[in-house]
C-alpha atoms as a PDB file:
ATOM      1  CA  UNK A   1       1.767  -0.444  19.746  1.00  0.00           C
ATOM      2  CA  UNK A   2      -1.051   1.877  20.653  1.00  0.00           C
ATOM      3  CA  UNK A   3      -1.806   3.368  17.244  1.00  0.00           C
ATOM      4  CA  UNK A   4      -2.658   2.220  13.750  1.00  0.00           C
ATOM      5  CA  UNK A   5      -2.258   3.709  10.292  1.00  0.00           C
ATOM      6  CA  UNK A   6      -5.398   3.238   8.224  1.00  0.00           C
ATOM      7  CA  UNK A   7      -5.935   3.064   4.496  1.00  0.00           C
ATOM      8  CA  UNK A   8      -9.364   3.481   2.914  1.00  0.00           C
ATOM      9  CA  UNK A   9     -10.266  -0.213   3.208  1.00  0.00           C
ATOM     10  CA  UNK A  10      -9.911   0.030   7.011  1.00  0.00           C
ATOM     11  CA  UNK A  11     -12.511   2.804   7.104  1.00  0.00           C
ATOM     12  CA  UNK A  12     -14.884   0.885   4.826  1.00  0.00           C
ATOM     13  CA  UNK A  13     -14.549  -2.105   7.172  1.00  0.00           C
ATOM     14  CA  UNK A  14     -15.366   0.117  10.168  1.00  0.00           C
ATOM     15  CA  UNK A  15     -12.046  -0.344  11.989  1.00  0.00           C
ATOM     16  CA  UNK A  16     -11.779   3.124  13.565  1.00  0.00           C
ATOM     17  CA  UNK A  17     -15.427   3.063  14.668  1.00  0.00           C
ATOM     18  CA  UNK A  18     -15.047  -0.059  16.797  1.00  0.00           C
ATOM     19  CA  UNK A  19     -11.506   0.371  18.102  1.00  0.00           C
ATOM     20  CA  UNK A  20     -10.186   2.310  21.046  1.00  0.00           C
ATOM     21  CA  UNK A  21      -6.714   2.602  19.478  1.00  0.00           C
ATOM     22  CA  UNK A  22      -5.566   5.932  18.135  1.00  0.00           C
ATOM     23  CA  UNK A  23      -5.678   5.941  14.355  1.00  0.00           C
ATOM     24  CA  UNK A  24      -3.714   7.926  11.804  1.00  0.00           C
ATOM     25  CA  UNK A  25      -4.380   8.530   8.158  1.00  0.00           C
ATOM     26  CA  UNK A  26      -3.368  11.077   5.547  1.00  0.00           C
ATOM     27  CA  UNK A  27      -5.445  13.918   4.127  1.00  0.00           C
ATOM     28  CA  UNK A  28      -5.639  12.228   0.726  1.00  0.00           C
ATOM     29  CA  UNK A  29      -7.130   9.074   2.300  1.00  0.00           C
ATOM     30  CA  UNK A  30      -9.464  11.197   4.436  1.00  0.00           C
ATOM     31  CA  UNK A  31     -10.689  13.017   1.318  1.00  0.00           C
ATOM     32  CA  UNK A  32     -11.383   9.627  -0.260  1.00  0.00           C
ATOM     33  CA  UNK A  33     -13.475   8.314   2.666  1.00  0.00           C
ATOM     34  CA  UNK A  34     -15.035  11.411   4.267  1.00  0.00           C
ATOM     35  CA  UNK A  35     -18.491  10.472   2.972  1.00  0.00           C
ATOM     36  CA  UNK A  36     -18.588   7.408   5.273  1.00  0.00           C
ATOM     37  CA  UNK A  37     -21.293   7.656   7.951  1.00  0.00           C
ATOM     38  CA  UNK A  38     -21.676  11.317   7.028  1.00  0.00           C
ATOM     39  CA  UNK A  39     -25.234  11.481   8.363  1.00  0.00           C
ATOM     40  CA  UNK A  40     -23.959  10.468  11.825  1.00  0.00           C
ATOM     41  CA  UNK A  41     -20.784  12.589  11.561  1.00  0.00           C
ATOM     42  CA  UNK A  42     -18.833   9.588  12.822  1.00  0.00           C
ATOM     43  CA  UNK A  43     -15.552  10.783  11.305  1.00  0.00           C
ATOM     44  CA  UNK A  44     -16.067  14.217  12.849  1.00  0.00           C
ATOM     45  CA  UNK A  45     -16.508  12.594  16.244  1.00  0.00           C
ATOM     46  CA  UNK A  46     -13.304  10.578  15.809  1.00  0.00           C
ATOM     47  CA  UNK A  47     -11.431  13.775  14.905  1.00  0.00           C
ATOM     48  CA  UNK A  48     -12.928  15.768  17.789  1.00  0.00           C
ATOM     49  CA  UNK A  49     -12.048  13.097  20.331  1.00  0.00           C
ATOM     50  CA  UNK A  50      -8.530  12.890  18.862  1.00  0.00           C
ATOM     51  CA  UNK A  51      -8.902   9.156  18.112  1.00  0.00           C
ATOM     52  CA  UNK A  52      -8.350   9.901  14.419  1.00  0.00           C
ATOM     53  CA  UNK A  53      -5.399  12.052  13.496  1.00  0.00           C
ATOM     54  CA  UNK A  54      -4.616  13.292  10.015  1.00  0.00           C
ATOM     55  CA  UNK A  55      -0.907  13.554   9.350  1.00  0.00           C
ATOM     56  CA  UNK A  56       1.167  13.955   6.222  1.00  0.00           C
ATOM     57  CA  UNK A  57       4.335  11.900   5.781  1.00  0.00           C
ATOM     58  CA  UNK A  58       7.572  13.780   5.308  1.00  0.00           C
ATOM     59  CA  UNK A  59       9.186  14.061   1.881  1.00  0.00           C
ATOM     60  CA  UNK A  60      11.979  11.595   2.682  1.00  0.00           C
ATOM     61  CA  UNK A  61       9.512   8.883   3.745  1.00  0.00           C
ATOM     62  CA  UNK A  62       7.436   9.511   0.622  1.00  0.00           C
ATOM     63  CA  UNK A  63      10.513   9.136  -1.578  1.00  0.00           C
ATOM     64  CA  UNK A  64      11.413   5.898   0.223  1.00  0.00           C
ATOM     65  CA  UNK A  65       7.870   4.556  -0.257  1.00  0.00           C
ATOM     66  CA  UNK A  66       7.958   5.337  -3.986  1.00  0.00           C
ATOM     67  CA  UNK A  67      11.411   3.777  -4.341  1.00  0.00           C
ATOM     68  CA  UNK A  68      10.318   0.607  -2.529  1.00  0.00           C
ATOM     69  CA  UNK A  69       7.136   0.364  -4.619  1.00  0.00           C
ATOM     70  CA  UNK A  70       9.163   0.658  -7.817  1.00  0.00           C
ATOM     71  CA  UNK A  71      11.632  -1.977  -6.599  1.00  0.00           C
ATOM     72  CA  UNK A  72       8.847  -4.480  -5.885  1.00  0.00           C
ATOM     73  CA  UNK A  73       7.040  -3.657  -9.124  1.00  0.00           C
ATOM     74  CA  UNK A  74       3.883  -2.585  -7.280  1.00  0.00           C
ATOM     75  CA  UNK A  75       4.160   1.123  -8.127  1.00  0.00           C
ATOM     76  CA  UNK A  76       1.751   1.068 -11.111  1.00  0.00           C
ATOM     77  CA  UNK A  77      -0.947  -0.515  -8.903  1.00  0.00           C
ATOM     78  CA  UNK A  78      -0.624   2.038  -6.084  1.00  0.00           C
ATOM     79  CA  UNK A  79      -2.554   5.294  -5.828  1.00  0.00           C
ATOM     80  CA  UNK A  80      -1.138   8.449  -4.276  1.00  0.00           C
ATOM     81  CA  UNK A  81      -3.239   7.586  -1.207  1.00  0.00           C
ATOM     82  CA  UNK A  82      -1.588   4.164  -0.977  1.00  0.00           C
ATOM     83  CA  UNK A  83       1.888   5.686  -1.259  1.00  0.00           C
ATOM     84  CA  UNK A  84       1.017   8.208   1.462  1.00  0.00           C
ATOM     85  CA  UNK A  85      -0.031   5.413   3.852  1.00  0.00           C
ATOM     86  CA  UNK A  86       3.178   3.445   3.234  1.00  0.00           C
ATOM     87  CA  UNK A  87       5.227   6.628   3.706  1.00  0.00           C
ATOM     88  CA  UNK A  88       3.453   7.461   6.962  1.00  0.00           C
ATOM     89  CA  UNK A  89       4.169   3.956   8.240  1.00  0.00           C
ATOM     90  CA  UNK A  90       7.852   4.320   7.314  1.00  0.00           C
ATOM     91  CA  UNK A  91       8.022   7.630   9.175  1.00  0.00           C
ATOM     92  CA  UNK A  92       6.082   6.597  12.276  1.00  0.00           C
ATOM     93  CA  UNK A  93       7.063   2.912  12.378  1.00  0.00           C
ATOM     94  CA  UNK A  94       3.441   1.995  12.924  1.00  0.00           C
ATOM     95  CA  UNK A  95       1.127  -0.784  11.868  1.00  0.00           C
ATOM     96  CA  UNK A  96      -0.776  -0.433   8.605  1.00  0.00           C
ATOM     97  CA  UNK A  97      -4.337  -1.736   8.558  1.00  0.00           C
ATOM     98  CA  UNK A  98      -5.165  -2.632   4.953  1.00  0.00           C
ATOM     99  CA  UNK A  99      -6.507  -5.324   2.669  1.00  0.00           C
ATOM    100  CA  UNK A 100      -4.673  -3.938  -0.353  1.00  0.00           C
ATOM    101  CA  UNK A 101      -2.264  -6.543  -1.713  1.00  0.00           C
ATOM    102  CA  UNK A 102       0.103  -4.031  -3.329  1.00  0.00           C
ATOM    103  CA  UNK A 103       0.362  -2.011  -0.090  1.00  0.00           C
ATOM    104  CA  UNK A 104       0.935  -5.256   1.814  1.00  0.00           C
ATOM    105  CA  UNK A 105       3.667  -6.461  -0.538  1.00  0.00           C
ATOM    106  CA  UNK A 106       5.590  -3.166  -0.391  1.00  0.00           C
ATOM    107  CA  UNK A 107       5.165  -2.896   3.386  1.00  0.00           C
ATOM    108  CA  UNK A 108       6.299  -6.450   4.043  1.00  0.00           C
ATOM    109  CA  UNK A 109       9.289  -6.040   1.718  1.00  0.00           C
ATOM    110  CA  UNK A 110      10.238  -3.027   3.859  1.00  0.00           C
ATOM    111  CA  UNK A 111       9.802  -5.010   7.067  1.00  0.00           C
ATOM    112  CA  UNK A 112       6.802  -2.920   8.154  1.00  0.00           C
ATOM    113  CA  UNK A 113       3.970  -4.371  10.208  1.00  0.00           C
ATOM    114  CA  UNK A 114       0.692  -4.820   8.337  1.00  0.00           C
ATOM    115  CA  UNK A 115      -2.593  -6.368   9.396  1.00  0.00           C
ATOM    116  CA  UNK A 116      -5.402  -7.376   7.047  1.00  0.00           C
ATOM    117  CA  UNK A 117      -9.029  -6.689   7.901  1.00  0.00           C
ATOM    118  CA  UNK A 118     -11.431  -8.829   5.900  1.00  0.00           C
ATOM    119  CA  UNK A 119      -8.965 -11.081   4.071  1.00  0.00           C
ATOM    120  CA  UNK A 120      -6.258 -13.526   5.126  1.00  0.00           C
ATOM    121  CA  UNK A 121      -3.695 -11.078   3.856  1.00  0.00           C
ATOM    122  CA  UNK A 122      -0.897 -11.945   1.497  1.00  0.00           C
ATOM    123  CA  UNK A 123       1.005 -15.176   1.820  1.00  0.00           C
ATOM    124  CA  UNK A 124       3.770 -14.603  -0.716  1.00  0.00           C
ATOM    125  CA  UNK A 125       5.990 -11.549  -0.633  1.00  0.00           C
ATOM    126  CA  UNK A 126       8.284 -10.729  -3.501  1.00  0.00           C
ATOM    127  CA  UNK A 127       8.935  -8.603  -6.518  1.00  0.00           C
ATOM    128  CA  UNK A 128       6.799  -8.355  -9.609  1.00  0.00           C
ATOM    129  CA  UNK A 129       8.398  -8.804 -12.972  1.00  0.00           C
ATOM    130  CA  UNK A 130       7.058  -8.658 -16.478  1.00  0.00           C
ATOM    131  CA  UNK A 131       8.018 -11.612 -18.592  1.00  0.00           C
ATOM    132  CA  UNK A 132       7.662 -12.536 -22.211  1.00  0.00           C
ATOM    133  CA  UNK A 133       6.071 -15.942 -22.742  1.00  0.00           C
ATOM    134  CA  UNK A 134       7.397 -15.864 -26.321  1.00  0.00           C
ATOM    135  CA  UNK A 135      11.133 -15.313 -25.966  1.00  0.00           C
ATOM    136  CA  UNK A 136      11.265 -16.015 -22.199  1.00  0.00           C
ATOM    137  CA  UNK A 137      12.899 -12.742 -21.191  1.00  0.00           C
ATOM    138  CA  UNK A 138      12.203 -10.742 -18.015  1.00  0.00           C
ATOM    139  CA  UNK A 139      11.581  -7.007 -17.958  1.00  0.00           C
ATOM    140  CA  UNK A 140      11.092  -4.340 -15.293  1.00  0.00           C
ATOM    141  CA  UNK A 141       7.948  -2.955 -16.870  1.00  0.00           C
ATOM    142  CA  UNK A 142       6.033  -2.655 -20.083  1.00  0.00           C
ATOM    143  CA  UNK A 143       3.084  -4.066 -21.954  1.00  0.00           C
ATOM    144  CA  UNK A 144       4.899  -5.521 -24.946  1.00  0.00           C
ATOM    145  CA  UNK A 145       8.233  -7.325 -25.277  1.00  0.00           C
ATOM    146  CA  UNK A 146      10.776  -4.963 -26.810  1.00  0.00           C
ATOM    147  CA  UNK A 147      12.580  -7.962 -28.346  1.00  0.00           C
ATOM    148  CA  UNK A 148       9.773  -9.886 -30.057  1.00  0.00           C
ATOM    149  CA  UNK A 149       6.573  -7.841 -29.596  1.00  0.00           C
ATOM    150  CA  UNK A 150       4.661 -10.450 -27.576  1.00  0.00           C
ATOM    151  CA  UNK A 151       2.344  -9.027 -24.869  1.00  0.00           C
ATOM    152  CA  UNK A 152       4.104  -9.232 -21.500  1.00  0.00           C
ATOM    153  CA  UNK A 153       2.646 -11.046 -18.518  1.00  0.00           C
ATOM    154  CA  UNK A 154       3.261 -10.263 -14.860  1.00  0.00           C
ATOM    155  CA  UNK A 155       4.267 -12.639 -12.071  1.00  0.00           C
ATOM    156  CA  UNK A 156       5.436 -12.416  -8.490  1.00  0.00           C
ATOM    157  CA  UNK A 157       8.884 -13.797  -7.837  1.00  0.00           C
ATOM    158  CA  UNK A 158       9.760 -14.762  -4.307  1.00  0.00           C
ATOM    159  CA  UNK A 159      13.499 -14.595  -4.997  1.00  0.00           C
ATOM    160  CA  UNK A 160      15.118 -11.182  -4.902  1.00  0.00           C
ATOM    161  CA  UNK A 161      17.665 -11.656  -7.681  1.00  0.00           C
ATOM    162  CA  UNK A 162      16.151 -11.940 -11.149  1.00  0.00           C
ATOM    163  CA  UNK A 163      17.980 -11.071 -14.366  1.00  0.00           C
ATOM    164  CA  UNK A 164      16.125  -8.195 -16.028  1.00  0.00           C
ATOM    165  CA  UNK A 165      16.400  -6.834 -19.541  1.00  0.00           C
ATOM    166  CA  UNK A 166      15.893  -3.087 -19.400  1.00  0.00           C
END
């Protein structure tokens, strides 16, 4: 693979500045990080030399990214920038460079390639559920158990099939 898809953490870690690989990101991520090395115009140089390309994912890939994030339970933790990076990776079948655990979990559940930068990356991949420690029921989402009113907690389940009360 001769290109990478970068989220904001990759820019903060300096990945595109010390790599000869072509890099892609989305306009929403670029807007988030365009202040980096502004006095040296490093991002401008990457754009001018075509080593950094800004590309928007198509609507179908974006819908698939949102659907996958909802299925894993990571959607509430993901920003629109995060969703755009996952969608771009779906569309281009690239490698995401990110230290974000929610991005990593969604990407790995989709079978996408992801590489961490400054962390070991995630070890466990699964789906998040909300559970009630009071009445021991599982729920897709929420802050409070609809059955007994106890505050819900969140945990990652490695198994795919979990009975949920909606």
